[in-house]
Amino acid sequence: MNEALLSTLFDSTSTEGRLGVHSALVKRPFRALVLLPERDFDPSEAAIPWKALLRAGAEIQFATPTGDPSAADDRLVEKGFGPLSRLLMPPMATRELYRTMAAAPEFQRPIQFSDVDLDAIHLVHVPGGHAKGVKTLLESEAAMRLVAHHMRADKPTSAVCHGVLLLARAKDEATGRSILYGRKTTALTATLENTAWTLTRAFLGDYYRTYSQSVEAEVTSVLERPAHFKRGPLLPKKDSEAHPERGFVVRDHNYVSARWPGDCHALAHAMTRFIEEAVRAS
């Protein structure tokens, strides 16, 4: 990431930005891996954590099924939802942030899932998405093996929305159970998923129904107890960079999860805590 691009994202005088944590990580870089599908990921769920990780001084690598650059769901970036666009699309600032991320060298030169060296990775992040292309991530056996190996090593992991499905499907080789068994988590709730599907099914069909079973139902089915799935407030609030506390996340040791794009600033804040903890421990 060059200085010109960094300066467009962050205040170079901020001790929370390129100084502070970043300066502490120069000698021992914290490396984050973002897993993406071939296409159709949610731009907020990748770009907001990407910015926060960069600000905290992390080195970021992207990985895709084929090793080719991915692309966000175009309906969330350009096409919109007609009269519902203001409700369902990310804010313009987030869409611009996505475009900045998509132009970054690390995004343009991803590696293939099978080529990931997890020994060099400290944190793995899994964004979600609704459109069908996201299945190239969520149904990837290679990606499931990656997250299972990473979480068995007790390394920081984050996932949001449909991204939690990848973890739910990943098996712990020692037990044969999901890697999420015994952990608390959240994910896209059935209420959020069904509300969006009901609002749009007349003109988008099953766009918001990626699978016949809801994300919440599938994730809950692999947990040790149903109560380990945390829904958060019934009426969610969208968070922001200025107010991450409005978002809802669940942290279980080195794993943090969120429900939807409206939680992504809170999720990003929790992810940077992993870096701060690594700095203090080094």
Foldseek 3Di string as FASTA:
>chain_A
DDPVLQVVQDPPVDCLFCHPQQVLCPVPAAEEEEEAEQEAFALLQPLLLVSLCNRNNHHYAYEYAVQAAYYHRCCQQPVAQVPCRVVPHDPPVSSVSSVSVCPDPRRRGHHHLVPDDCVSHQEYEYTGGQAQRRVRQLVDPSNLQSVLVCVVVVGAYEYEALRVSSQQPRANPVPRAGSCAPAAFEHADPLNLVVVCVVRCVPPNCSSPNDPDHSLVSSCVRYNHSVSYDHPDPDQAQADLVGLVSFDWDDDRRYIYGYDSSNNNVRSVVVSVSSVVVSVVD
